[in-house]
Amino acid sequence: MSITREFLRRPLTTGAVAASSRRLARAMTDGIGLDDARVVVELGPGTGAFTGAILSRLAPGARLVAVELNPVLAARLADQCRDDRLDVVRASAADLAALVPDRVDAVVSGLPWTVMPQDRQCGILDAVTEVLAPAGRFTTFAYVHAAWTPPARRFAAALDRRFGTLERSAVVWPNLPPAFVHRARNPMRSPAQGSTQSPTRSPIS
């Protein structure tokens, strides 16, 4: 079974035609404090391209919760990546707050943000900010060729509304297609989630 086959079977929930490269995995996991993290969440792990990179940085007593909606990919990841620190949960990312009741240090996402309905996208991002610790980090990636499309711009704006600091990595050219990483921190919880103040923003780099 390949990620390409799952894309053809479920194009609206499988975001990539090919597995992400090791260089993109490195960019996704750099600078988000994984070495000191106790609880990390991965949304949409797929074939595990980022999962291995996350586990390689986590301490022995840390925990990684991988939330995968696709039953085939979830079963494959659980079977192939046997690590005591990894919990593979077959569920929707929208249910994140119920899946991890404790605050988490980082959320790494491989979800296909630009192909999902906007209300679902916003609901998942709200769940991310709800579970992140005040110093928590969030990373996800976007393809360069689609960066200026309306769905991609709406997603970037949605991130900007929910995080005090939003940065963009250099382009990872050795990826199919080439991609860059959104790195976000200082999550701003909505009034319904108990927000207290809005942190100072910094421009996207």
C-alpha atoms as a PDB file:
ATOM      1  CA  MET A   1       0.000   0.000   0.000  1.00  0.00           C
ATOM      2  CA  SER A   2       1.341   3.452  -0.906  1.00  0.00           C
ATOM      3  CA  ILE A   3       0.399   7.023  -0.126  1.00  0.00           C
ATOM      4  CA  THR A   4      -0.358   7.470  -3.842  1.00  0.00           C
ATOM      5  CA  ARG A   5      -2.944   4.678  -3.755  1.00  0.00           C
ATOM      6  CA  GLU A   6      -4.596   6.193  -0.680  1.00  0.00           C
ATOM      7  CA  PHE A   7      -4.650   9.588  -2.381  1.00  0.00           C
ATOM      8  CA  LEU A   8      -6.496   8.077  -5.343  1.00  0.00           C
ATOM      9  CA  ARG A   9      -8.935   6.246  -3.046  1.00  0.00           C
ATOM     10  CA  ARG A  10      -9.532   9.177  -0.666  1.00  0.00           C
ATOM     11  CA  PRO A  11      -8.381  12.406  -2.396  1.00  0.00           C
ATOM     12  CA  LEU A  12     -10.258  14.703  -0.007  1.00  0.00           C
ATOM     13  CA  THR A  13      -8.683  13.286   3.157  1.00  0.00           C
ATOM     14  CA  THR A  14      -5.253  12.247   1.900  1.00  0.00           C
ATOM     15  CA  GLY A  15      -3.321  15.434   1.246  1.00  0.00           C
ATOM     16  CA  ALA A  16      -0.188  14.225  -0.546  1.00  0.00           C
ATOM     17  CA  VAL A  17       0.422  12.281  -3.713  1.00  0.00           C
ATOM     18  CA  ALA A  18       3.885  11.205  -2.537  1.00  0.00           C
ATOM     19  CA  ALA A  19       5.411  10.717   0.912  1.00  0.00           C
ATOM     20  CA  SER A  20       7.193  13.750   2.344  1.00  0.00           C
ATOM     21  CA  SER A  21      10.985  13.834   2.161  1.00  0.00           C
ATOM     22  CA  ARG A  22      13.425  13.482   5.042  1.00  0.00           C
ATOM     23  CA  ARG A  23      14.460  17.102   4.582  1.00  0.00           C
ATOM     24  CA  LEU A  24      10.876  18.272   4.977  1.00  0.00           C
ATOM     25  CA  ALA A  25      10.548  16.052   8.054  1.00  0.00           C
ATOM     26  CA  ARG A  26      13.637  17.711   9.495  1.00  0.00           C
ATOM     27  CA  ALA A  27      12.237  21.170   8.768  1.00  0.00           C
ATOM     28  CA  MET A  28       8.938  20.198  10.399  1.00  0.00           C
ATOM     29  CA  THR A  29      10.635  19.090  13.604  1.00  0.00           C
ATOM     30  CA  ASP A  30      13.411  21.693  13.911  1.00  0.00           C
ATOM     31  CA  GLY A  31      13.107  24.448  16.493  1.00  0.00           C
ATOM     32  CA  ILE A  32       9.931  23.306  18.260  1.00  0.00           C
ATOM     33  CA  GLY A  33      11.458  21.993  21.486  1.00  0.00           C
ATOM     34  CA  LEU A  34      10.941  18.282  20.910  1.00  0.00           C
ATOM     35  CA  ASP A  35      14.029  17.362  22.946  1.00  0.00           C
ATOM     36  CA  ASP A  36      12.366  18.713  26.100  1.00  0.00           C
ATOM     37  CA  ALA A  37       8.744  17.894  25.225  1.00  0.00           C
ATOM     38  CA  ARG A  38       6.674  15.570  27.375  1.00  0.00           C
ATOM     39  CA  VAL A  39       3.573  15.243  25.185  1.00  0.00           C
ATOM     40  CA  VAL A  40       3.480  15.804  21.411  1.00  0.00           C
ATOM     41  CA  VAL A  41       0.591  15.355  18.983  1.00  0.00           C
ATOM     42  CA  GLU A  42       0.897  14.529  15.302  1.00  0.00           C
ATOM     43  CA  LEU A  43      -2.154  15.190  13.129  1.00  0.00           C
ATOM     44  CA  GLY A  44      -2.487  13.169   9.940  1.00  0.00           C
ATOM     45  CA  PRO A  45       0.711  11.088  10.203  1.00  0.00           C
ATOM     46  CA  GLY A  46      -0.119   9.131   7.042  1.00  0.00           C
ATOM     47  CA  THR A  47       2.727   6.718   6.303  1.00  0.00           C
ATOM     48  CA  GLY A  48       4.824   8.079   9.157  1.00  0.00           C
ATOM     49  CA  ALA A  49       7.232  10.358   7.260  1.00  0.00           C
ATOM     50  CA  PHE A  50       7.215  12.823  10.165  1.00  0.00           C
ATOM     51  CA  THR A  51       6.554  10.277  12.919  1.00  0.00           C
ATOM     52  CA  GLY A  52      10.042   8.824  12.811  1.00  0.00           C
ATOM     53  CA  ALA A  53      11.611  12.280  12.844  1.00  0.00           C
ATOM     54  CA  ILE A  54       9.548  13.234  15.904  1.00  0.00           C
ATOM     55  CA  LEU A  55      10.390  10.045  17.800  1.00  0.00           C
ATOM     56  CA  SER A  56      14.086  10.442  17.048  1.00  0.00           C
ATOM     57  CA  ARG A  57      14.064  13.721  18.994  1.00  0.00           C
ATOM     58  CA  LEU A  58      11.812  12.760  21.911  1.00  0.00           C
ATOM     59  CA  ALA A  59      13.154  11.778  25.323  1.00  0.00           C
ATOM     60  CA  PRO A  60      12.626   8.172  26.514  1.00  0.00           C
ATOM     61  CA  GLY A  61       9.732   9.089  28.816  1.00  0.00           C
ATOM     62  CA  ALA A  62       7.896  11.354  26.382  1.00  0.00           C
ATOM     63  CA  ARG A  63       4.628  10.535  24.595  1.00  0.00           C
ATOM     64  CA  LEU A  64       3.584  10.969  20.963  1.00  0.00           C
ATOM     65  CA  VAL A  65      -0.113  10.784  20.092  1.00  0.00           C
ATOM     66  CA  ALA A  66      -0.598  10.252  16.345  1.00  0.00           C
ATOM     67  CA  VAL A  67      -4.159  11.041  15.231  1.00  0.00           C
ATOM     68  CA  GLU A  68      -5.024   9.471  11.868  1.00  0.00           C
ATOM     69  CA  LEU A  69      -8.517   9.321  10.337  1.00  0.00           C
ATOM     70  CA  ASN A  70      -7.654   6.975   7.463  1.00  0.00           C
ATOM     71  CA  PRO A  71      -8.096   3.403   8.809  1.00  0.00           C
ATOM     72  CA  VAL A  72      -5.586   1.857   6.397  1.00  0.00           C
ATOM     73  CA  LEU A  73      -2.841   4.353   7.209  1.00  0.00           C
ATOM     74  CA  ALA A  74      -3.548   4.195  10.953  1.00  0.00           C
ATOM     75  CA  ALA A  75      -3.267   0.405  10.998  1.00  0.00           C
ATOM     76  CA  ARG A  76      -0.083   0.453   8.948  1.00  0.00           C
ATOM     77  CA  LEU A  77       1.568   3.062  11.181  1.00  0.00           C
ATOM     78  CA  ALA A  78       0.687   1.154  14.351  1.00  0.00           C
ATOM     79  CA  ASP A  79       2.059  -2.070  12.865  1.00  0.00           C
ATOM     80  CA  GLN A  80       5.280  -0.680  11.431  1.00  0.00           C
ATOM     81  CA  CYS A  81       6.272   1.855  14.074  1.00  0.00           C
ATOM     82  CA  ARG A  82       6.435  -0.104  17.303  1.00  0.00           C
ATOM     83  CA  ASP A  83       7.618   2.339  19.956  1.00  0.00           C
ATOM     84  CA  ASP A  84       6.435   2.490  23.554  1.00  0.00           C
ATOM     85  CA  ARG A  85       6.203   6.270  23.315  1.00  0.00           C
ATOM     86  CA  LEU A  86       3.789   6.171  20.349  1.00  0.00           C
ATOM     87  CA  ASP A  87      -0.010   5.956  20.583  1.00  0.00           C
ATOM     88  CA  VAL A  88      -1.773   5.723  17.212  1.00  0.00           C
ATOM     89  CA  VAL A  89      -5.372   6.890  17.529  1.00  0.00           C
ATOM     90  CA  ARG A  90      -7.846   6.406  14.689  1.00  0.00           C
ATOM     91  CA  ALA A  91      -9.951   9.540  15.041  1.00  0.00           C
ATOM     92  CA  SER A  92     -10.669  12.956  13.614  1.00  0.00           C
ATOM     93  CA  ALA A  93      -8.339  15.828  14.417  1.00  0.00           C
ATOM     94  CA  ALA A  94     -11.462  17.837  15.232  1.00  0.00           C
ATOM     95  CA  ASP A  95     -11.815  15.693  18.376  1.00  0.00           C
ATOM     96  CA  LEU A  96      -8.306  16.563  19.554  1.00  0.00           C
ATOM     97  CA  ALA A  97      -9.369  18.182  22.825  1.00  0.00           C
ATOM     98  CA  ALA A  98     -11.145  14.999  23.905  1.00  0.00           C
ATOM     99  CA  LEU A  99      -8.223  12.792  22.854  1.00  0.00           C
ATOM    100  CA  VAL A 100      -5.554  14.635  24.844  1.00  0.00           C
ATOM    101  CA  PRO A 101      -7.095  16.191  27.960  1.00  0.00           C
ATOM    102  CA  ASP A 102      -3.678  17.412  29.174  1.00  0.00           C
ATOM    103  CA  ARG A 103      -1.848  20.348  27.589  1.00  0.00           C
ATOM    104  CA  VAL A 104       0.692  19.365  24.948  1.00  0.00           C
ATOM    105  CA  ASP A 105       4.076  20.862  24.141  1.00  0.00           C
ATOM    106  CA  ALA A 106       3.913  20.649  20.346  1.00  0.00           C
ATOM    107  CA  VAL A 107       1.531  19.766  17.521  1.00  0.00           C
ATOM    108  CA  VAL A 108       2.973  18.643  14.180  1.00  0.00           C
ATOM    109  CA  SER A 109       0.450  18.479  11.351  1.00  0.00           C
ATOM    110  CA  GLY A 110       0.470  16.818   7.942  1.00  0.00           C
ATOM    111  CA  LEU A 111      -3.228  17.490   7.318  1.00  0.00           C
ATOM    112  CA  PRO A 112      -4.463  18.614   3.871  1.00  0.00           C
ATOM    113  CA  TRP A 113      -5.666  22.004   5.111  1.00  0.00           C
ATOM    114  CA  THR A 114      -6.494  23.596   1.770  1.00  0.00           C
ATOM    115  CA  VAL A 115      -8.801  20.817   0.555  1.00  0.00           C
ATOM    116  CA  MET A 116     -11.008  20.649   3.662  1.00  0.00           C
ATOM    117  CA  PRO A 117     -14.108  22.823   4.226  1.00  0.00           C
ATOM    118  CA  GLN A 118     -13.288  26.107   5.930  1.00  0.00           C
ATOM    119  CA  ASP A 119     -15.458  25.434   8.988  1.00  0.00           C
ATOM    120  CA  ARG A 120     -13.696  22.117   9.568  1.00  0.00           C
ATOM    121  CA  GLN A 121     -10.300  23.752   9.099  1.00  0.00           C
ATOM    122  CA  CYS A 122     -11.131  26.431  11.657  1.00  0.00           C
ATOM    123  CA  GLY A 123     -12.531  23.875  14.091  1.00  0.00           C
ATOM    124  CA  ILE A 124      -9.322  21.845  14.010  1.00  0.00           C
ATOM    125  CA  LEU A 125      -7.139  24.934  14.437  1.00  0.00           C
ATOM    126  CA  ASP A 126      -9.248  25.981  17.416  1.00  0.00           C
ATOM    127  CA  ALA A 127      -8.744  22.507  18.896  1.00  0.00           C
ATOM    128  CA  VAL A 128      -4.990  22.874  18.389  1.00  0.00           C
ATOM    129  CA  THR A 129      -4.838  26.173  20.271  1.00  0.00           C
ATOM    130  CA  GLU A 130      -7.040  24.691  23.000  1.00  0.00           C
ATOM    131  CA  VAL A 131      -4.693  21.793  23.766  1.00  0.00           C
ATOM    132  CA  LEU A 132      -1.365  23.596  23.347  1.00  0.00           C
ATOM    133  CA  ALA A 133       0.472  24.762  26.437  1.00  0.00           C
ATOM    134  CA  PRO A 134       1.114  28.545  26.599  1.00  0.00           C
ATOM    135  CA  ALA A 135       4.657  27.967  25.308  1.00  0.00           C
ATOM    136  CA  GLY A 136       3.545  25.253  22.863  1.00  0.00           C
ATOM    137  CA  ARG A 137       4.557  25.144  19.210  1.00  0.00           C
ATOM    138  CA  PHE A 138       2.640  24.214  16.064  1.00  0.00           C
ATOM    139  CA  THR A 139       4.117  23.265  12.689  1.00  0.00           C
ATOM    140  CA  THR A 140       2.561  22.341   9.378  1.00  0.00           C
ATOM    141  CA  PHE A 141       3.649  22.569   5.755  1.00  0.00           C
ATOM    142  CA  ALA A 142       2.394  23.989   2.489  1.00  0.00           C
ATOM    143  CA  TYR A 143       3.370  23.431  -1.126  1.00  0.00           C
ATOM    144  CA  VAL A 144       5.155  26.298  -2.846  1.00  0.00           C
ATOM    145  CA  HIS A 145       3.198  26.047  -6.095  1.00  0.00           C
ATOM    146  CA  ALA A 146      -0.093  26.584  -4.244  1.00  0.00           C
ATOM    147  CA  ALA A 147       1.038  29.164  -1.678  1.00  0.00           C
ATOM    148  CA  TRP A 148      -0.748  32.071  -3.339  1.00  0.00           C
ATOM    149  CA  THR A 149      -4.038  30.337  -4.079  1.00  0.00           C
ATOM    150  CA  PRO A 150      -7.103  31.621  -2.196  1.00  0.00           C
ATOM    151  CA  PRO A 151      -7.404  28.484   0.018  1.00  0.00           C
ATOM    152  CA  ALA A 152      -3.726  28.703   1.024  1.00  0.00           C
ATOM    153  CA  ARG A 153      -4.002  32.416   1.777  1.00  0.00           C
ATOM    154  CA  ARG A 154      -7.123  31.839   3.883  1.00  0.00           C
ATOM    155  CA  PHE A 155      -5.283  29.164   5.835  1.00  0.00           C
ATOM    156  CA  ALA A 156      -2.299  31.443   6.472  1.00  0.00           C
ATOM    157  CA  ALA A 157      -4.698  34.128   7.687  1.00  0.00           C
ATOM    158  CA  ALA A 158      -6.388  31.613   9.986  1.00  0.00           C
ATOM    159  CA  LEU A 159      -3.007  30.797  11.515  1.00  0.00           C
ATOM    160  CA  ASP A 160      -2.208  34.476  11.920  1.00  0.00           C
ATOM    161  CA  ARG A 161      -5.413  35.008  13.899  1.00  0.00           C
ATOM    162  CA  ARG A 162      -4.633  32.178  16.297  1.00  0.00           C
ATOM    163  CA  PHE A 163      -0.923  32.583  17.045  1.00  0.00           C
ATOM    164  CA  GLY A 164       1.105  35.490  18.311  1.00  0.00           C
ATOM    165  CA  THR A 165       4.170  34.509  16.293  1.00  0.00           C
ATOM    166  CA  LEU A 166       4.054  32.983  12.831  1.00  0.00           C
ATOM    167  CA  GLU A 167       7.151  32.276  10.750  1.00  0.00           C
ATOM    168  CA  ARG A 168       7.836  30.576   7.443  1.00  0.00           C
ATOM    169  CA  SER A 169      10.832  28.353   6.756  1.00  0.00           C
ATOM    170  CA  ALA A 170      13.044  28.369   3.714  1.00  0.00           C
ATOM    171  CA  VAL A 171      11.721  26.328   0.796  1.00  0.00           C
ATOM    172  CA  VAL A 172      12.548  22.626   0.956  1.00  0.00           C
ATOM    173  CA  TRP A 173      13.274  22.082  -2.723  1.00  0.00           C
ATOM    174  CA  PRO A 174      14.174  18.341  -2.472  1.00  0.00           C
ATOM    175  CA  ASN A 175      10.533  17.454  -1.802  1.00  0.00           C
ATOM    176  CA  LEU A 176       7.770  16.386  -4.193  1.00  0.00           C
ATOM    177  CA  PRO A 177       6.337  18.975  -4.625  1.00  0.00           C
ATOM    178  CA  PRO A 178       8.691  21.587  -3.049  1.00  0.00           C
ATOM    179  CA  ALA A 179       7.292  22.839   0.249  1.00  0.00           C
ATOM    180  CA  PHE A 180       7.866  25.193   3.157  1.00  0.00           C
ATOM    181  CA  VAL A 181       6.941  24.999   6.832  1.00  0.00           C
ATOM    182  CA  HIS A 182       4.668  27.253   8.878  1.00  0.00           C
ATOM    183  CA  ARG A 183       6.045  27.526  12.423  1.00  0.00           C
ATOM    184  CA  ALA A 184       3.660  29.044  14.960  1.00  0.00           C
ATOM    185  CA  ARG A 185       3.902  29.777  18.673  1.00  0.00           C
ATOM    186  CA  ASN A 186       2.163  31.801  21.379  1.00  0.00           C
ATOM    187  CA  PRO A 187      -1.291  30.246  20.826  1.00  0.00           C
ATOM    188  CA  MET A 188      -4.161  32.645  21.391  1.00  0.00           C
ATOM    189  CA  ARG A 189      -7.211  30.934  22.788  1.00  0.00           C
ATOM    190  CA  SER A 190     -10.637  32.233  21.861  1.00  0.00           C
ATOM    191  CA  PRO A 191     -12.914  33.813  24.514  1.00  0.00           C
ATOM    192  CA  ALA A 192     -14.864  30.533  24.633  1.00  0.00           C
ATOM    193  CA  GLN A 193     -11.621  28.772  25.552  1.00  0.00           C
ATOM    194  CA  GLY A 194     -10.692  31.259  28.248  1.00  0.00           C
ATOM    195  CA  SER A 195      -8.254  33.629  26.546  1.00  0.00           C
ATOM    196  CA  THR A 196      -6.695  36.294  28.741  1.00  0.00           C
ATOM    197  CA  GLN A 197      -4.605  38.474  26.442  1.00  0.00           C
ATOM    198  CA  SER A 198      -3.251  38.641  22.915  1.00  0.00           C
ATOM    199  CA  PRO A 199       0.541  38.288  22.609  1.00  0.00           C
ATOM    200  CA  THR A 200       2.563  40.658  20.463  1.00  0.00           C
ATOM    201  CA  ARG A 201       2.658  39.601  16.833  1.00  0.00           C
ATOM    202  CA  SER A 202       5.756  39.225  14.726  1.00  0.00           C
ATOM    203  CA  PRO A 203       5.721  39.323  10.922  1.00  0.00           C
ATOM    204  CA  ILE A 204       5.913  36.237   8.761  1.00  0.00           C
ATOM    205  CA  SER A 205       9.454  35.715   7.566  1.00  0.00           C
END
